[in-house]
C-alpha cells in the first residue's frame, strides 16, 4: 500500500439521500493498493479517511465548477421528488441557471 499526495483541485462530492445534504470535501491523498485507488479526505479532527457511501463523484476541477456540480446533485434530488410538471420545470430552470452562471469581474 502506498499514499500519493493529491494534486490541487481534487474534490469528493457527496449527497445524503435521506437529508438531501450535499458536501464538497478536498481530497488530500490517494491510497493505492492491490484493490485500487481510493481518495482520502480530512475530517474535522484532521484525520484522513475514505469518504463514505454518500460520495457520488471524485473529480479534479476548479472551485466554481465543483460548486456547480454540487448544486446539480442537489437539484437532481429535488427533481427526483418532483410530483408535477411545474415542479420539474422549476428545477430544470434552476439547473439551467446554475450551469450558465459565471462570476462577473468588478460586480
PDB file of N, CA and C in Angstrom:
ATOM      1  N   UNK A   1       0.847  -1.168   0.000  1.00  0.00           N
ATOM      2  CA  UNK A   1       0.000   0.000   0.000  1.00  0.00           C
ATOM      3  C   UNK A   1       0.895   1.234   0.000  1.00  0.00           C
ATOM      4  N   UNK A   2       0.470   2.243  -0.752  1.00  0.00           N
ATOM      5  CA  UNK A   2       1.206   3.500  -0.777  1.00  0.00           C
ATOM      6  C   UNK A   2       0.212   4.656  -0.778  1.00  0.00           C
ATOM      7  N   UNK A   3       0.735   5.832  -0.495  1.00  0.00           N
ATOM      8  CA  UNK A   3      -0.091   7.031  -0.460  1.00  0.00           C
ATOM      9  C   UNK A   3       0.526   8.065  -1.392  1.00  0.00           C
ATOM     10  N   UNK A   4      -0.320   8.699  -2.174  1.00  0.00           N
ATOM     11  CA  UNK A   4       0.108   9.740  -3.094  1.00  0.00           C
ATOM     12  C   UNK A   4      -0.594  11.040  -2.723  1.00  0.00           C
ATOM     13  N   UNK A   5       0.129  12.131  -2.708  1.00  0.00           N
ATOM     14  CA  UNK A   5      -0.483  13.431  -2.453  1.00  0.00           C
ATOM     15  C   UNK A   5      -1.349  13.802  -3.652  1.00  0.00           C
ATOM     16  N   UNK A   6      -2.564  14.210  -3.388  1.00  0.00           N
ATOM     17  CA  UNK A   6      -3.465  14.619  -4.469  1.00  0.00           C
ATOM     18  C   UNK A   6      -3.056  15.991  -4.987  1.00  0.00           C
ATOM     19  N   UNK A   7      -3.093  16.152  -6.279  1.00  0.00           N
ATOM     20  CA  UNK A   7      -2.835  17.460  -6.874  1.00  0.00           C
ATOM     21  C   UNK A   7      -3.959  18.407  -6.482  1.00  0.00           C
ATOM     22  N   UNK A   8      -3.682  19.703  -6.463  1.00  0.00           N
ATOM     23  CA  UNK A   8      -4.737  20.675  -6.146  1.00  0.00           C
ATOM     24  C   UNK A   8      -5.929  20.525  -7.092  1.00  0.00           C
ATOM     25  N   UNK A   9      -7.113  20.688  -6.556  1.00  0.00           N
ATOM     26  CA  UNK A   9      -8.330  20.646  -7.353  1.00  0.00           C
ATOM     27  C   UNK A   9      -9.145  19.376  -7.215  1.00  0.00           C
ATOM     28  N   UNK A  10      -8.601  18.329  -6.577  1.00  0.00           N
ATOM     29  CA  UNK A  10      -9.365  17.092  -6.392  1.00  0.00           C
ATOM     30  C   UNK A  10     -10.370  17.283  -5.257  1.00  0.00           C
ATOM     31  N   UNK A  11     -11.636  16.927  -5.511  1.00  0.00           N
ATOM     32  CA  UNK A  11     -12.691  17.019  -4.504  1.00  0.00           C
ATOM     33  C   UNK A  11     -13.550  15.763  -4.542  1.00  0.00           C
ATOM     34  N   UNK A  12     -14.153  15.463  -3.394  1.00  0.00           N
ATOM     35  CA  UNK A  12     -15.139  14.395  -3.289  1.00  0.00           C
ATOM     36  C   UNK A  12     -16.483  15.056  -3.013  1.00  0.00           C
ATOM     37  N   UNK A  13     -17.445  14.804  -3.871  1.00  0.00           N
ATOM     38  CA  UNK A  13     -18.780  15.382  -3.715  1.00  0.00           C
ATOM     39  C   UNK A  13     -19.706  14.296  -3.206  1.00  0.00           C
ATOM     40  N   UNK A  14     -20.409  14.598  -2.116  1.00  0.00           N
ATOM     41  CA  UNK A  14     -21.303  13.630  -1.506  1.00  0.00           C
ATOM     42  C   UNK A  14     -22.725  14.129  -1.466  1.00  0.00           C
ATOM     43  N   UNK A  15     -23.663  13.192  -1.478  1.00  0.00           N
ATOM     44  CA  UNK A  15     -25.091  13.524  -1.390  1.00  0.00           C
ATOM     45  C   UNK A  15     -25.765  12.512  -0.476  1.00  0.00           C
ATOM     46  N   UNK A  16     -26.296  13.001   0.637  1.00  0.00           N
ATOM     47  CA  UNK A  16     -27.024  12.157   1.574  1.00  0.00           C
ATOM     48  C   UNK A  16     -28.456  12.041   1.071  1.00  0.00           C
ATOM     49  N   UNK A  17     -28.866  10.842   0.659  1.00  0.00           N
ATOM     50  CA  UNK A  17     -30.194  10.657   0.082  1.00  0.00           C
ATOM     51  C   UNK A  17     -31.313  10.845   1.099  1.00  0.00           C
ATOM     52  N   UNK A  18     -31.020  10.707   2.383  1.00  0.00           N
ATOM     53  CA  UNK A  18     -32.050  10.879   3.411  1.00  0.00           C
ATOM     54  C   UNK A  18     -32.291  12.359   3.697  1.00  0.00           C
ATOM     55  N   UNK A  19     -31.220  13.108   3.921  1.00  0.00           N
ATOM     56  CA  UNK A  19     -31.368  14.520   4.292  1.00  0.00           C
ATOM     57  C   UNK A  19     -31.291  15.463   3.103  1.00  0.00           C
ATOM     58  N   UNK A  20     -30.735  14.996   1.992  1.00  0.00           N
ATOM     59  CA  UNK A  20     -30.541  15.849   0.828  1.00  0.00           C
ATOM     60  C   UNK A  20     -29.304  16.719   0.938  1.00  0.00           C
ATOM     61  N   UNK A  21     -28.565  16.579   2.031  1.00  0.00           N
ATOM     62  CA  UNK A  21     -27.372  17.397   2.263  1.00  0.00           C
ATOM     63  C   UNK A  21     -26.281  17.058   1.252  1.00  0.00           C
ATOM     64  N   UNK A  22     -25.667  18.098   0.714  1.00  0.00           N
ATOM     65  CA  UNK A  22     -24.578  17.959  -0.245  1.00  0.00           C
ATOM     66  C   UNK A  22     -23.284  18.394   0.435  1.00  0.00           C
ATOM     67  N   UNK A  23     -22.217  17.665   0.175  1.00  0.00           N
ATOM     68  CA  UNK A  23     -20.913  18.052   0.733  1.00  0.00           C
ATOM     69  C   UNK A  23     -19.863  18.055  -0.370  1.00  0.00           C
ATOM     70  N   UNK A  24     -18.913  18.961  -0.235  1.00  0.00           N
ATOM     71  CA  UNK A  24     -17.754  19.011  -1.123  1.00  0.00           C
ATOM     72  C   UNK A  24     -16.535  19.023  -0.215  1.00  0.00           C
ATOM     73  N   UNK A  25     -15.703  17.987  -0.345  1.00  0.00           N
ATOM     74  CA  UNK A  25     -14.530  17.863   0.514  1.00  0.00           C
ATOM     75  C   UNK A  25     -13.271  17.767  -0.335  1.00  0.00           C
ATOM     76  N   UNK A  26     -12.251  18.480   0.100  1.00  0.00           N
ATOM     77  CA  UNK A  26     -10.943  18.454  -0.565  1.00  0.00           C
ATOM     78  C   UNK A  26     -10.309  17.082  -0.382  1.00  0.00           C
ATOM     79  N   UNK A  27      -9.835  16.490  -1.468  1.00  0.00           N
ATOM     80  CA  UNK A  27      -9.106  15.220  -1.404  1.00  0.00           C
ATOM     81  C   UNK A  27      -7.639  15.563  -1.173  1.00  0.00           C
ATOM     82  N   UNK A  28      -7.081  15.080  -0.067  1.00  0.00           N
ATOM     83  CA  UNK A  28      -5.695  15.378   0.268  1.00  0.00           C
ATOM     84  C   UNK A  28      -4.704  14.336  -0.214  1.00  0.00           C
ATOM     85  N   UNK A  29      -5.151  13.080  -0.212  1.00  0.00           N
ATOM     86  CA  UNK A  29      -4.288  11.968  -0.593  1.00  0.00           C
ATOM     87  C   UNK A  29      -5.092  10.925  -1.344  1.00  0.00           C
ATOM     88  N   UNK A  30      -4.374  10.061  -2.047  1.00  0.00           N
ATOM     89  CA  UNK A  30      -4.957   8.861  -2.630  1.00  0.00           C
ATOM     90  C   UNK A  30      -4.229   7.668  -2.033  1.00  0.00           C
ATOM     91  N   UNK A  31      -4.978   6.669  -1.608  1.00  0.00           N
ATOM     92  CA  UNK A  31      -4.414   5.422  -1.111  1.00  0.00           C
ATOM     93  C   UNK A  31      -4.406   4.427  -2.275  1.00  0.00           C
ATOM     94  N   UNK A  32      -3.244   3.849  -2.544  1.00  0.00           N
ATOM     95  CA  UNK A  32      -3.086   2.936  -3.673  1.00  0.00           C
ATOM     96  C   UNK A  32      -2.682   1.572  -3.137  1.00  0.00           C
ATOM     97  N   UNK A  33      -3.453   0.533  -3.500  1.00  0.00           N
ATOM     98  CA  UNK A  33      -3.087  -0.835  -3.117  1.00  0.00           C
ATOM     99  C   UNK A  33      -3.574  -1.804  -4.194  1.00  0.00           C
ATOM    100  N   UNK A  34      -3.503  -3.098  -3.905  1.00  0.00           N
ATOM    101  CA  UNK A  34      -3.879  -4.116  -4.883  1.00  0.00           C
ATOM    102  C   UNK A  34      -5.349  -4.042  -5.287  1.00  0.00           C
ATOM    103  N   UNK A  35      -6.187  -3.441  -4.437  1.00  0.00           N
ATOM    104  CA  UNK A  35      -7.623  -3.363  -4.714  1.00  0.00           C
ATOM    105  C   UNK A  35      -8.009  -2.122  -5.507  1.00  0.00           C
ATOM    106  N   UNK A  36      -7.083  -1.186  -5.663  1.00  0.00           N
ATOM    107  CA  UNK A  36      -7.391   0.002  -6.440  1.00  0.00           C
ATOM    108  C   UNK A  36      -6.881   1.278  -5.805  1.00  0.00           C
ATOM    109  N   UNK A  37      -7.508   2.371  -6.178  1.00  0.00           N
ATOM    110  CA  UNK A  37      -7.131   3.703  -5.710  1.00  0.00           C
ATOM    111  C   UNK A  37      -8.331   4.311  -4.996  1.00  0.00           C
ATOM    112  N   UNK A  38      -8.109   4.809  -3.779  1.00  0.00           N
ATOM    113  CA  UNK A  38      -9.176   5.414  -3.001  1.00  0.00           C
ATOM    114  C   UNK A  38      -8.785   6.822  -2.578  1.00  0.00           C
ATOM    115  N   UNK A  39      -9.708   7.780  -2.712  1.00  0.00           N
ATOM    116  CA  UNK A  39      -9.429   9.134  -2.243  1.00  0.00           C
ATOM    117  C   UNK A  39      -9.508   9.196  -0.724  1.00  0.00           C
ATOM    118  N   UNK A  40      -8.730  10.082  -0.137  1.00  0.00           N
ATOM    119  CA  UNK A  40      -8.781  10.293   1.309  1.00  0.00           C
ATOM    120  C   UNK A  40      -9.055  11.772   1.572  1.00  0.00           C
ATOM    121  N   UNK A  41     -10.036  12.035   2.433  1.00  0.00           N
ATOM    122  CA  UNK A  41     -10.393  13.399   2.809  1.00  0.00           C
ATOM    123  C   UNK A  41     -10.161  13.571   4.302  1.00  0.00           C
ATOM    124  N   UNK A  42     -10.013  14.815   4.739  1.00  0.00           N
ATOM    125  CA  UNK A  42      -9.729  15.103   6.140  1.00  0.00           C
ATOM    126  C   UNK A  42     -11.025  15.361   6.894  1.00  0.00           C
ATOM    127  N   UNK A  43     -11.168  14.742   8.087  1.00  0.00           N
ATOM    128  CA  UNK A  43     -12.349  15.007   8.906  1.00  0.00           C
ATOM    129  C   UNK A  43     -12.108  16.223   9.802  1.00  0.00           C
ATOM    130  N   UNK A  44     -13.090  16.553  10.654  1.00  0.00           N
ATOM    131  CA  UNK A  44     -12.993  17.749  11.496  1.00  0.00           C
ATOM    132  C   UNK A  44     -11.873  17.662  12.537  1.00  0.00           C
ATOM    133  N   UNK A  45     -11.348  16.471  12.773  1.00  0.00           N
ATOM    134  CA  UNK A  45     -10.245  16.307  13.731  1.00  0.00           C
ATOM    135  C   UNK A  45      -8.888  16.255  13.033  1.00  0.00           C
ATOM    136  N   UNK A  46      -8.882  16.399  11.713  1.00  0.00           N
ATOM    137  CA  UNK A  46      -7.631  16.394  10.971  1.00  0.00           C
ATOM    138  C   UNK A  46      -7.147  15.021  10.548  1.00  0.00           C
ATOM    139  N   UNK A  47      -7.982  14.003  10.709  1.00  0.00           N
ATOM    140  CA  UNK A  47      -7.617  12.639  10.334  1.00  0.00           C
ATOM    141  C   UNK A  47      -8.100  12.376   8.911  1.00  0.00           C
ATOM    142  N   UNK A  48      -7.243  11.786   8.080  1.00  0.00           N
ATOM    143  CA  UNK A  48      -7.635  11.456   6.712  1.00  0.00           C
ATOM    144  C   UNK A  48      -8.343  10.111   6.698  1.00  0.00           C
ATOM    145  N   UNK A  49      -9.426  10.024   5.949  1.00  0.00           N
ATOM    146  CA  UNK A  49     -10.236   8.813   5.857  1.00  0.00           C
ATOM    147  C   UNK A  49     -10.872   8.726   4.473  1.00  0.00           C
ATOM    148  N   UNK A  50     -11.338   7.546   4.127  1.00  0.00           N
ATOM    149  CA  UNK A  50     -12.023   7.350   2.855  1.00  0.00           C
ATOM    150  C   UNK A  50     -13.445   7.897   2.984  1.00  0.00           C
ATOM    151  N   UNK A  51     -13.895   8.711   2.015  1.00  0.00           N
ATOM    152  CA  UNK A  51     -15.255   9.234   2.104  1.00  0.00           C
ATOM    153  C   UNK A  51     -16.270   8.091   2.100  1.00  0.00           C
ATOM    154  N   UNK A  52     -17.419   8.344   2.681  1.00  0.00           N
ATOM    155  CA  UNK A  52     -18.432   7.314   2.842  1.00  0.00           C
ATOM    156  C   UNK A  52     -19.225   7.002   1.585  1.00  0.00           C
ATOM    157  N   UNK A  53     -20.233   6.163   1.748  1.00  0.00           N
ATOM    158  CA  UNK A  53     -21.032   5.711   0.609  1.00  0.00           C
ATOM    159  C   UNK A  53     -21.869   6.820  -0.024  1.00  0.00           C
ATOM    160  N   UNK A  54     -21.991   7.955   0.660  1.00  0.00           N
ATOM    161  CA  UNK A  54     -22.737   9.071   0.077  1.00  0.00           C
ATOM    162  C   UNK A  54     -21.947   9.786  -1.016  1.00  0.00           C
ATOM    163  N   UNK A  55     -20.674   9.425  -1.191  1.00  0.00           N
ATOM    164  CA  UNK A  55     -19.848  10.055  -2.219  1.00  0.00           C
ATOM    165  C   UNK A  55     -20.359   9.653  -3.596  1.00  0.00           C
ATOM    166  N   UNK A  56     -20.677  10.661  -4.401  1.00  0.00           N
ATOM    167  CA  UNK A  56     -21.205  10.394  -5.742  1.00  0.00           C
ATOM    168  C   UNK A  56     -20.177  10.677  -6.829  1.00  0.00           C
ATOM    169  N   UNK A  57     -19.191  11.522  -6.532  1.00  0.00           N
ATOM    170  CA  UNK A  57     -18.173  11.831  -7.526  1.00  0.00           C
ATOM    171  C   UNK A  57     -16.873  12.218  -6.850  1.00  0.00           C
ATOM    172  N   UNK A  58     -15.787  11.821  -7.454  1.00  0.00           N
ATOM    173  CA  UNK A  58     -14.455  12.313  -7.098  1.00  0.00           C
ATOM    174  C   UNK A  58     -13.893  12.852  -8.397  1.00  0.00           C
ATOM    175  N   UNK A  59     -13.583  14.138  -8.397  1.00  0.00           N
ATOM    176  CA  UNK A  59     -13.235  14.806  -9.647  1.00  0.00           C
ATOM    177  C   UNK A  59     -12.184  15.878  -9.402  1.00  0.00           C
ATOM    178  N   UNK A  60     -11.377  16.126 -10.410  1.00  0.00           N
ATOM    179  CA  UNK A  60     -10.412  17.225 -10.354  1.00  0.00           C
ATOM    180  C   UNK A  60     -11.013  18.384 -11.142  1.00  0.00           C
ATOM    181  N   UNK A  61     -11.209  19.510 -10.472  1.00  0.00           N
ATOM    182  CA  UNK A  61     -11.857  20.653 -11.107  1.00  0.00           C
ATOM    183  C   UNK A  61     -11.495  21.930 -10.365  1.00  0.00           C
ATOM    184  N   UNK A  62     -11.999  23.032 -10.840  1.00  0.00           N
ATOM    185  CA  UNK A  62     -11.774  24.300 -10.153  1.00  0.00           C
ATOM    186  C   UNK A  62     -12.936  24.549  -9.174  1.00  0.00           C
ATOM    187  N   UNK A  63     -12.773  25.471  -8.224  1.00  0.00           N
ATOM    188  CA  UNK A  63     -13.798  25.691  -7.202  1.00  0.00           C
ATOM    189  C   UNK A  63     -15.179  26.049  -7.766  1.00  0.00           C
ATOM    190  N   UNK A  64     -15.247  26.859  -8.813  1.00  0.00           N
ATOM    191  CA  UNK A  64     -16.544  27.236  -9.379  1.00  0.00           C
ATOM    192  C   UNK A  64     -17.285  26.016  -9.914  1.00  0.00           C
ATOM    193  N   UNK A  65     -16.594  25.175 -10.662  1.00  0.00           N
ATOM    194  CA  UNK A  65     -17.255  24.013 -11.244  1.00  0.00           C
ATOM    195  C   UNK A  65     -17.559  22.945 -10.186  1.00  0.00           C
ATOM    196  N   UNK A  66     -16.760  22.874  -9.139  1.00  0.00           N
ATOM    197  CA  UNK A  66     -17.080  21.961  -8.036  1.00  0.00           C
ATOM    198  C   UNK A  66     -18.389  22.405  -7.378  1.00  0.00           C
ATOM    199  N   UNK A  67     -18.545  23.713  -7.174  1.00  0.00           N
ATOM    200  CA  UNK A  67     -19.783  24.238  -6.581  1.00  0.00           C
ATOM    201  C   UNK A  67     -20.969  23.994  -7.513  1.00  0.00           C
ATOM    202  N   UNK A  68     -20.778  24.219  -8.801  1.00  0.00           N
ATOM    203  CA  UNK A  68     -21.862  23.975  -9.758  1.00  0.00           C
ATOM    204  C   UNK A  68     -22.268  22.505  -9.759  1.00  0.00           C
ATOM    205  N   UNK A  69     -21.283  21.620  -9.742  1.00  0.00           N
ATOM    206  CA  UNK A  69     -21.571  20.190  -9.744  1.00  0.00           C
ATOM    207  C   UNK A  69     -22.313  19.787  -8.464  1.00  0.00           C
ATOM    208  N   UNK A  70     -21.899  20.338  -7.334  1.00  0.00           N
ATOM    209  CA  UNK A  70     -22.586  20.051  -6.077  1.00  0.00           C
ATOM    210  C   UNK A  70     -24.047  20.503  -6.161  1.00  0.00           C
ATOM    211  N   UNK A  71     -24.284  21.700  -6.689  1.00  0.00           N
ATOM    212  CA  UNK A  71     -25.667  22.193  -6.830  1.00  0.00           C
ATOM    213  C   UNK A  71     -26.463  21.321  -7.791  1.00  0.00           C
ATOM    214  N   UNK A  72     -25.832  20.822  -8.830  1.00  0.00           N
ATOM    215  CA  UNK A  72     -26.555  19.957  -9.766  1.00  0.00           C
ATOM    216  C   UNK A  72     -26.987  18.659  -9.084  1.00  0.00           C
ATOM    217  N   UNK A  73     -26.158  18.142  -8.183  1.00  0.00           N
ATOM    218  CA  UNK A  73     -26.561  16.948  -7.423  1.00  0.00           C
ATOM    219  C   UNK A  73     -27.728  17.277  -6.498  1.00  0.00           C
ATOM    220  N   UNK A  74     -27.707  18.462  -5.892  1.00  0.00           N
ATOM    221  CA  UNK A  74     -28.821  18.892  -5.044  1.00  0.00           C
ATOM    222  C   UNK A  74     -30.103  18.995  -5.877  1.00  0.00           C
ATOM    223  N   UNK A  75     -29.992  19.610  -7.042  1.00  0.00           N
ATOM    224  CA  UNK A  75     -31.158  19.762  -7.910  1.00  0.00           C
ATOM    225  C   UNK A  75     -31.651  18.414  -8.442  1.00  0.00           C
ATOM    226  N   UNK A  76     -30.742  17.469  -8.664  1.00  0.00           N
ATOM    227  CA  UNK A  76     -31.155  16.130  -9.107  1.00  0.00           C
ATOM    228  C   UNK A  76     -32.036  15.480  -8.042  1.00  0.00           C
ATOM    229  N   UNK A  77     -31.675  15.672  -6.778  1.00  0.00           N
ATOM    230  CA  UNK A  77     -32.503  15.148  -5.690  1.00  0.00           C
ATOM    231  C   UNK A  77     -33.876  15.803  -5.663  1.00  0.00           C
ATOM    232  N   UNK A  78     -33.913  17.102  -5.937  1.00  0.00           N
ATOM    233  CA  UNK A  78     -35.196  17.809  -5.986  1.00  0.00           C
ATOM    234  C   UNK A  78     -36.035  17.313  -7.163  1.00  0.00           C
ATOM    235  N   UNK A  79     -35.397  17.070  -8.295  1.00  0.00           N
ATOM    236  CA  UNK A  79     -36.122  16.575  -9.467  1.00  0.00           C
ATOM    237  C   UNK A  79     -36.710  15.192  -9.210  1.00  0.00           C
ATOM    238  N   UNK A  80     -35.986  14.366  -8.449  1.00  0.00           N
ATOM    239  CA  UNK A  80     -36.486  13.028  -8.116  1.00  0.00           C
ATOM    240  C   UNK A  80     -37.747  13.096  -7.260  1.00  0.00           C
ATOM    241  N   UNK A  81     -37.860  14.165  -6.462  1.00  0.00           N
ATOM    242  CA  UNK A  81     -39.022  14.316  -5.581  1.00  0.00           C
ATOM    243  C   UNK A  81     -40.148  15.125  -6.226  1.00  0.00           C
ATOM    244  N   UNK A  82     -39.903  15.693  -7.388  1.00  0.00           N
ATOM    245  CA  UNK A  82     -40.931  16.494  -8.065  1.00  0.00           C
ATOM    246  C   UNK A  82     -42.115  15.600  -8.426  1.00  0.00           C
ATOM    247  N   UNK A  83     -43.323  16.115  -8.186  1.00  0.00           N
ATOM    248  CA  UNK A  83     -44.528  15.331  -8.478  1.00  0.00           C
ATOM    249  C   UNK A  83     -45.381  15.952  -9.572  1.00  0.00           C
ATOM    250  N   UNK A  84     -45.068  17.178  -9.960  1.00  0.00           N
ATOM    251  CA  UNK A  84     -45.831  17.835 -11.028  1.00  0.00           C
ATOM    252  C   UNK A  84     -44.877  18.340 -12.091  1.00  0.00           C
ATOM    253  N   UNK A  85     -45.417  18.575 -13.263  1.00  0.00           N
ATOM    254  CA  UNK A  85     -44.576  19.101 -14.334  1.00  0.00           C
ATOM    255  C   UNK A  85     -44.090  20.505 -13.999  1.00  0.00           C
ATOM    256  N   UNK A  86     -44.886  21.276 -13.270  1.00  0.00           N
ATOM    257  CA  UNK A  86     -44.459  22.625 -12.877  1.00  0.00           C
ATOM    258  C   UNK A  86     -43.251  22.557 -11.948  1.00  0.00           C
ATOM    259  N   UNK A  87     -43.261  21.615 -10.993  1.00  0.00           N
ATOM    260  CA  UNK A  87     -42.118  21.457 -10.085  1.00  0.00           C
ATOM    261  C   UNK A  87     -40.877  21.030 -10.866  1.00  0.00           C
ATOM    262  N   UNK A  88     -41.053  20.083 -11.770  1.00  0.00           N
ATOM    263  CA  UNK A  88     -39.921  19.619 -12.566  1.00  0.00           C
ATOM    264  C   UNK A  88     -39.382  20.747 -13.441  1.00  0.00           C
ATOM    265  N   UNK A  89     -40.275  21.522 -14.048  1.00  0.00           N
ATOM    266  CA  UNK A  89     -39.844  22.643 -14.884  1.00  0.00           C
ATOM    267  C   UNK A  89     -39.082  23.684 -14.072  1.00  0.00           C
ATOM    268  N   UNK A  90     -39.514  23.925 -12.825  1.00  0.00           N
ATOM    269  CA  UNK A  90     -38.817  24.891 -11.967  1.00  0.00           C
ATOM    270  C   UNK A  90     -37.405  24.405 -11.649  1.00  0.00           C
ATOM    271  N   UNK A  91     -37.263  23.126 -11.345  1.00  0.00           N
ATOM    272  CA  UNK A  91     -35.937  22.564 -11.069  1.00  0.00           C
ATOM    273  C   UNK A  91     -35.072  22.642 -12.326  1.00  0.00           C
ATOM    274  N   UNK A  92     -35.660  22.348 -13.468  1.00  0.00           N
ATOM    275  CA  UNK A  92     -34.919  22.418 -14.724  1.00  0.00           C
ATOM    276  C   UNK A  92     -34.437  23.847 -15.003  1.00  0.00           C
ATOM    277  N   UNK A  93     -35.280  24.834 -14.698  1.00  0.00           N
ATOM    278  CA  UNK A  93     -34.878  26.231 -14.868  1.00  0.00           C
ATOM    279  C   UNK A  93     -33.733  26.613 -13.945  1.00  0.00           C
ATOM    280  N   UNK A  94     -33.794  26.137 -12.710  1.00  0.00           N
ATOM    281  CA  UNK A  94     -32.694  26.391 -11.777  1.00  0.00           C
ATOM    282  C   UNK A  94     -31.404  25.731 -12.250  1.00  0.00           C
ATOM    283  N   UNK A  95     -31.508  24.519 -12.763  1.00  0.00           N
ATOM    284  CA  UNK A  95     -30.322  23.811 -13.255  1.00  0.00           C
ATOM    285  C   UNK A  95     -29.694  24.575 -14.421  1.00  0.00           C
ATOM    286  N   UNK A  96     -30.515  25.097 -15.301  1.00  0.00           N
ATOM    287  CA  UNK A  96     -30.007  25.884 -16.426  1.00  0.00           C
ATOM    288  C   UNK A  96     -29.296  27.137 -15.920  1.00  0.00           C
ATOM    289  N   UNK A  97     -29.889  27.793 -14.926  1.00  0.00           N
ATOM    290  CA  UNK A  97     -29.278  28.992 -14.347  1.00  0.00           C
ATOM    291  C   UNK A  97     -27.913  28.658 -13.725  1.00  0.00           C
ATOM    292  N   UNK A  98     -27.865  27.599 -12.929  1.00  0.00           N
ATOM    293  CA  UNK A  98     -26.618  27.215 -12.247  1.00  0.00           C
ATOM    294  C   UNK A  98     -25.520  26.915 -13.269  1.00  0.00           C
ATOM    295  N   UNK A  99     -25.828  26.132 -14.276  1.00  0.00           N
ATOM    296  CA  UNK A  99     -24.803  25.732 -15.242  1.00  0.00           C
ATOM    297  C   UNK A  99     -24.306  26.901 -16.086  1.00  0.00           C
ATOM    298  N   UNK A 100     -25.142  27.894 -16.324  1.00  0.00           N
ATOM    299  CA  UNK A 100     -24.752  29.012 -17.173  1.00  0.00           C
ATOM    300  C   UNK A 100     -24.216  30.218 -16.398  1.00  0.00           C
ATOM    301  N   UNK A 101     -24.337  30.202 -15.067  1.00  0.00           N
ATOM    302  CA  UNK A 101     -23.895  31.339 -14.268  1.00  0.00           C
ATOM    303  C   UNK A 101     -22.375  31.444 -14.267  1.00  0.00           C
ATOM    304  N   UNK A 102     -21.871  32.628 -14.441  1.00  0.00           N
ATOM    305  CA  UNK A 102     -20.437  32.908 -14.357  1.00  0.00           C
ATOM    306  C   UNK A 102     -20.260  34.185 -13.538  1.00  0.00           C
ATOM    307  N   UNK A 103     -19.234  34.240 -12.705  1.00  0.00           N
ATOM    308  CA  UNK A 103     -18.991  35.465 -11.930  1.00  0.00           C
ATOM    309  C   UNK A 103     -18.591  36.616 -12.853  1.00  0.00           C
ATOM    310  N   UNK A 104     -18.952  37.798 -12.450  1.00  0.00           N
ATOM    311  CA  UNK A 104     -18.586  38.998 -13.219  1.00  0.00           C
ATOM    312  C   UNK A 104     -17.394  39.670 -12.584  1.00  0.00           C
ATOM    313  N   UNK A 105     -16.534  40.214 -13.385  1.00  0.00           N
ATOM    314  CA  UNK A 105     -15.408  40.991 -12.876  1.00  0.00           C
ATOM    315  C   UNK A 105     -15.901  42.396 -12.546  1.00  0.00           C
ATOM    316  N   UNK A 106     -15.623  42.858 -11.351  1.00  0.00           N
ATOM    317  CA  UNK A 106     -15.989  44.208 -10.963  1.00  0.00           C
ATOM    318  C   UNK A 106     -17.446  44.409 -10.636  1.00  0.00           C
ATOM    319  N   UNK A 107     -18.211  43.336 -10.389  1.00  0.00           N
ATOM    320  CA  UNK A 107     -19.584  43.488  -9.947  1.00  0.00           C
ATOM    321  C   UNK A 107     -20.548  43.185 -10.973  1.00  0.00           C
TER     322      UNK A 107
END
